[in-house]
Protein backbone atom coordinates (compact mmCIF):
# COMPACT_ATOMS: atom_id res chain seq x y z
CA MET A 1 -35.22 29.23 29.01
CA LYS A 2 -31.75 30.59 31.38
CA LYS A 3 -31.40 27.57 32.95
CA VAL A 4 -30.91 25.79 29.87
CA LEU A 5 -28.56 28.05 28.73
CA TYR A 6 -26.37 27.84 32.01
CA ILE A 7 -26.65 23.87 31.63
CA PHE A 8 -25.01 24.65 27.71
CA ILE A 9 -22.42 27.04 28.73
CA ILE A 10 -21.02 24.80 31.68
CA SER A 11 -21.55 21.99 29.85
CA GLN A 12 -19.10 23.59 26.72
CA PHE A 13 -16.69 24.97 29.79
CA LEU A 14 -16.20 21.33 31.05
CA PHE A 15 -15.65 20.03 27.34
CA SER A 16 -13.59 22.49 26.50
CA CYS A 17 -11.12 21.55 29.94
CA ALA A 18 -11.50 17.64 28.69
CA VAL A 19 -10.38 18.97 25.24
CA ASN A 20 -6.63 20.41 26.13
CA LYS A 21 -6.38 17.99 29.22
CA ASP A 22 -6.18 15.27 26.89
CA ARG A 23 -4.44 17.76 24.43
CA ASN A 24 -1.59 18.44 27.15
CA ALA A 25 -2.06 14.86 28.47
CA PRO A 26 2.29 14.08 27.78
CA ILE A 27 2.66 17.52 30.39
CA ASN A 28 0.29 16.10 32.84
CA ASP A 29 1.52 13.18 33.58
CA TYR A 30 5.07 14.07 33.47
CA ILE A 31 3.32 16.70 36.23
CA SER A 32 1.99 13.93 38.11
CA SER A 33 5.04 11.80 38.25
CA LEU A 34 7.04 14.72 39.87
CA LYS A 35 4.34 12.88 43.04
CA LEU A 36 3.02 16.49 43.89
CA LYS A 37 0.69 16.50 46.95
CA ASN A 38 -2.30 18.09 46.17
CA SER A 39 -1.26 20.96 48.53
CA ASP A 40 1.96 21.45 47.42
CA LYS A 41 2.13 24.10 45.27
CA ILE A 42 3.75 25.05 41.27
CA MET A 43 4.79 27.89 39.56
CA ILE A 44 4.06 27.79 35.36
CA ILE A 45 5.50 30.51 33.47
CA GLN A 46 2.76 31.94 31.43
CA GLU A 47 4.33 31.99 28.00
CA LYS A 48 4.87 29.09 25.88
CA ILE A 49 8.41 28.32 24.94
CA ASN A 50 8.12 28.16 21.49
CA ASN A 51 7.45 24.70 19.07
CA ASN A 52 10.27 25.51 17.03
CA VAL A 53 12.85 25.72 20.06
CA THR A 54 11.39 21.58 20.18
CA ILE A 55 12.53 20.83 16.95
CA GLU A 56 15.85 22.68 17.18
CA ILE A 57 17.07 20.73 20.08
CA PHE A 58 15.16 17.31 18.62
CA LYS A 59 17.78 17.91 15.97
CA GLY A 60 20.67 19.01 17.62
CA LYS A 61 24.02 19.39 15.63
CA ALA A 62 26.44 17.35 13.47
CA PHE A 63 30.63 18.40 13.03
CA TYR A 64 33.09 17.50 10.75
CA TYR A 65 35.68 15.62 11.80
CA ASN A 66 39.16 15.98 10.00
CA GLY A 67 40.76 12.53 11.21
CA ILE A 68 37.65 10.51 9.57
CA ASN A 69 36.89 13.18 6.57
CA LYS A 70 33.03 13.19 7.67
CA TYR A 71 29.84 14.74 9.51
CA VAL A 72 29.44 13.31 13.08
CA LYS A 73 25.96 13.93 15.59
CA VAL A 74 27.21 14.90 18.73
CA GLU A 75 23.93 16.67 19.94
CA GLY A 76 20.16 16.24 19.44
CA VAL A 77 18.52 12.76 19.62
CA LEU A 78 20.49 10.29 18.11
CA GLU A 79 19.56 7.89 15.77
CA PRO A 80 17.60 5.97 15.67
CA LEU A 81 14.83 6.79 17.52
CA TYR A 82 16.47 9.99 14.69
CA ASP A 83 15.91 9.67 11.45
CA GLU A 84 15.74 13.45 9.16
CA LYS A 85 12.35 12.60 6.94
CA SER A 86 10.99 11.77 10.04
CA TRP A 87 11.79 14.68 11.49
CA GLU A 88 10.77 16.45 8.49
CA LYS A 89 7.66 15.38 8.58
CA MET A 90 7.71 17.03 12.80
CA LYS A 91 8.85 20.65 11.50
CA SER A 92 6.33 20.85 8.86
CA LYS A 93 2.85 20.20 11.33
CA TYR A 94 4.58 21.95 14.61
CA GLU A 95 6.99 24.86 12.97
CA ASN A 96 5.81 28.07 14.10
CA LYS A 97 6.83 29.95 11.20
CA LYS A 98 6.05 33.27 12.07
CA ILE A 99 7.60 33.68 15.55
CA LYS A 100 10.91 32.72 15.73
CA ASP A 101 11.22 34.48 19.78
CA GLN A 102 11.43 31.46 22.30
CA TRP A 103 8.65 32.58 24.28
CA ILE A 104 5.34 33.50 22.12
CA LYS A 105 4.07 36.62 23.63
CA GLY A 106 0.03 35.83 24.31
CA ASP A 107 -0.28 32.21 24.22
CA TYR A 108 -0.58 31.55 28.03
CA TRP A 109 -1.21 27.90 29.95
CA THR A 110 -3.80 28.36 32.39
CA LEU A 111 -5.32 25.91 35.02
CA LYS A 112 -7.69 24.34 32.04
CA ASP A 113 -4.72 22.97 30.60
CA PHE A 114 -3.72 21.37 34.55
CA LYS A 115 -4.71 18.71 35.88
CA HIS A 116 -2.57 20.02 39.64
CA GLN A 117 -4.79 22.81 40.31
CA ASN A 118 -2.85 24.19 42.60
CA ILE A 119 -0.39 26.09 40.32
CA ILE A 120 1.11 30.12 40.70
CA PHE A 121 1.05 31.53 36.84
CA ILE A 122 3.77 33.96 36.39
CA LYS A 123 5.15 35.82 33.60
CA GLN A 124 8.20 35.56 32.07
CA GLU A 125 9.22 39.07 32.12
CA LYS A 126 8.39 39.60 35.62
CA PHE A 127 10.14 36.15 36.90
CA PRO A 128 13.44 37.07 38.58
CA ASN A 129 16.69 36.92 36.07
CA PRO A 130 20.08 36.70 38.98
CA GLY A 131 22.28 37.53 36.52
CA LYS A 132 20.56 41.17 36.60
CA TYR A 133 20.83 41.20 40.47
CA GLU A 134 17.29 41.06 41.46
CA LYS A 135 15.95 41.45 45.05
CA PHE A 136 13.14 38.79 44.75
CA ASP A 137 12.03 36.81 47.64
CA PHE A 138 9.17 34.87 47.41
CA GLN A 139 7.55 33.67 50.28
CA GLU A 140 7.93 29.93 50.26
CA ASN A 141 10.26 27.83 47.49
CA TYR A 142 8.28 25.46 45.36
CA SER A 143 9.48 24.15 41.73
CA VAL A 144 9.32 26.62 38.59
CA LEU A 145 8.28 24.76 35.57
CA SER A 146 7.59 25.91 32.17
CA PHE A 147 6.54 24.53 29.07
CA SER A 148 6.41 24.21 25.25
CA ASP A 149 3.56 22.62 23.29
CA VAL A 150 3.32 18.61 22.94
CA ILE A 151 4.78 17.79 19.56
CA TYR A 152 4.28 14.56 18.57
CA TYR A 153 6.70 12.03 16.70
CA LYS A 154 6.51 8.97 14.49
CA HIS A 155 2.93 8.27 14.51
CA LYS A 156 2.12 9.57 17.88
CA LYS A 157 4.38 6.76 19.10
CA TYR A 158 6.53 9.48 21.05
CA ALA A 159 5.51 12.78 22.16
CA VAL A 160 7.95 15.35 22.70
CA PHE A 161 7.94 18.94 24.57
CA THR A 162 10.53 21.25 25.40
CA ILE A 163 11.33 22.32 29.67
CA LYS A 164 12.40 24.97 31.71
CA SER A 165 13.11 23.85 35.37
CA THR A 166 14.35 26.04 38.56
CA THR A 167 12.78 27.00 42.08
CA THR A 168 12.33 29.79 43.51
CA ASP A 169 15.55 29.88 45.40
CA TYR A 170 17.15 29.24 43.13
CA LYS A 171 15.84 31.49 40.18
CA ASN A 172 17.41 30.49 37.39
CA ILE A 173 15.29 30.13 34.26
CA ASP A 174 18.17 29.29 31.45
CA LYS A 175 18.25 25.07 31.56
CA THR A 176 16.45 24.41 28.71
CA SER A 177 15.87 20.25 27.58
CA ILE A 178 13.74 18.29 25.52
CA LEU A 179 11.51 15.48 27.33
CA ILE A 180 10.48 12.55 24.41
CA LEU A 181 7.65 10.31 25.65
CA ILE A 182 6.34 6.91 25.07
CA LYS A 183 2.98 5.36 26.35
CA ILE A 184 2.78 2.79 29.13
CA LYS A 185 -0.31 1.27 29.98
CA ASP A 186 -2.38 4.24 29.08
CA LYS A 187 0.36 6.93 31.17
CA TRP A 188 2.68 8.78 28.61
CA THR A 189 6.18 8.41 30.32
CA VAL A 190 10.13 10.04 30.47
CA PHE A 191 11.57 8.00 27.42
CA GLY A 192 14.84 10.20 27.15
CA GLU A 193 16.35 13.75 27.82
CA VAL A 194 18.01 15.78 25.21
CA ALA A 195 19.25 18.65 26.20
CA ASP A 196 20.03 21.63 24.38
CA GLY A 197 23.82 21.59 23.99
CA ILE A 198 24.19 25.51 25.29
CA TYR A 199 26.98 25.57 27.74
CA ARG A 200 26.41 27.88 31.00
């Protein structure tokens, strides 16, 4: 009986890992595109970035120009990929109505979400902020990444997520952008990148 229970628990754990990795396939395919060796260590911010960040960057901003007497979209994803109706559907499905903060406390990435397993997880508040002149020396230099959950767009033709990246040497993780991916030969491949439009 104990053996059957043990097998059941293990099978449920493996199934859970497989489901998570499939759901996060666009992120895992992106990490694979970095050509990391199994021995290459990366750091991931444990908290997920709020989906609202992805949705807002995707929409971008339009500015009114007096000379031509109309609003012109100058940030975000441009037409024809962007269209208001598809964006509204995306917003309705994925918007986080309860949490407005950029980082979602308590919703953490774990090893079972990723194919690459040589990962150090660090909480966002523990990651050094160069603006505070913290003294924080990592023993090695490696990539630091942070992600939102994956959002699908236009009947899952496109996958979109927010990414922040830096290194343990540079330490500045303010730069924020979204990656837009399409599936090519069963792999999610980066089709475009759109920055948040904030000049730092």
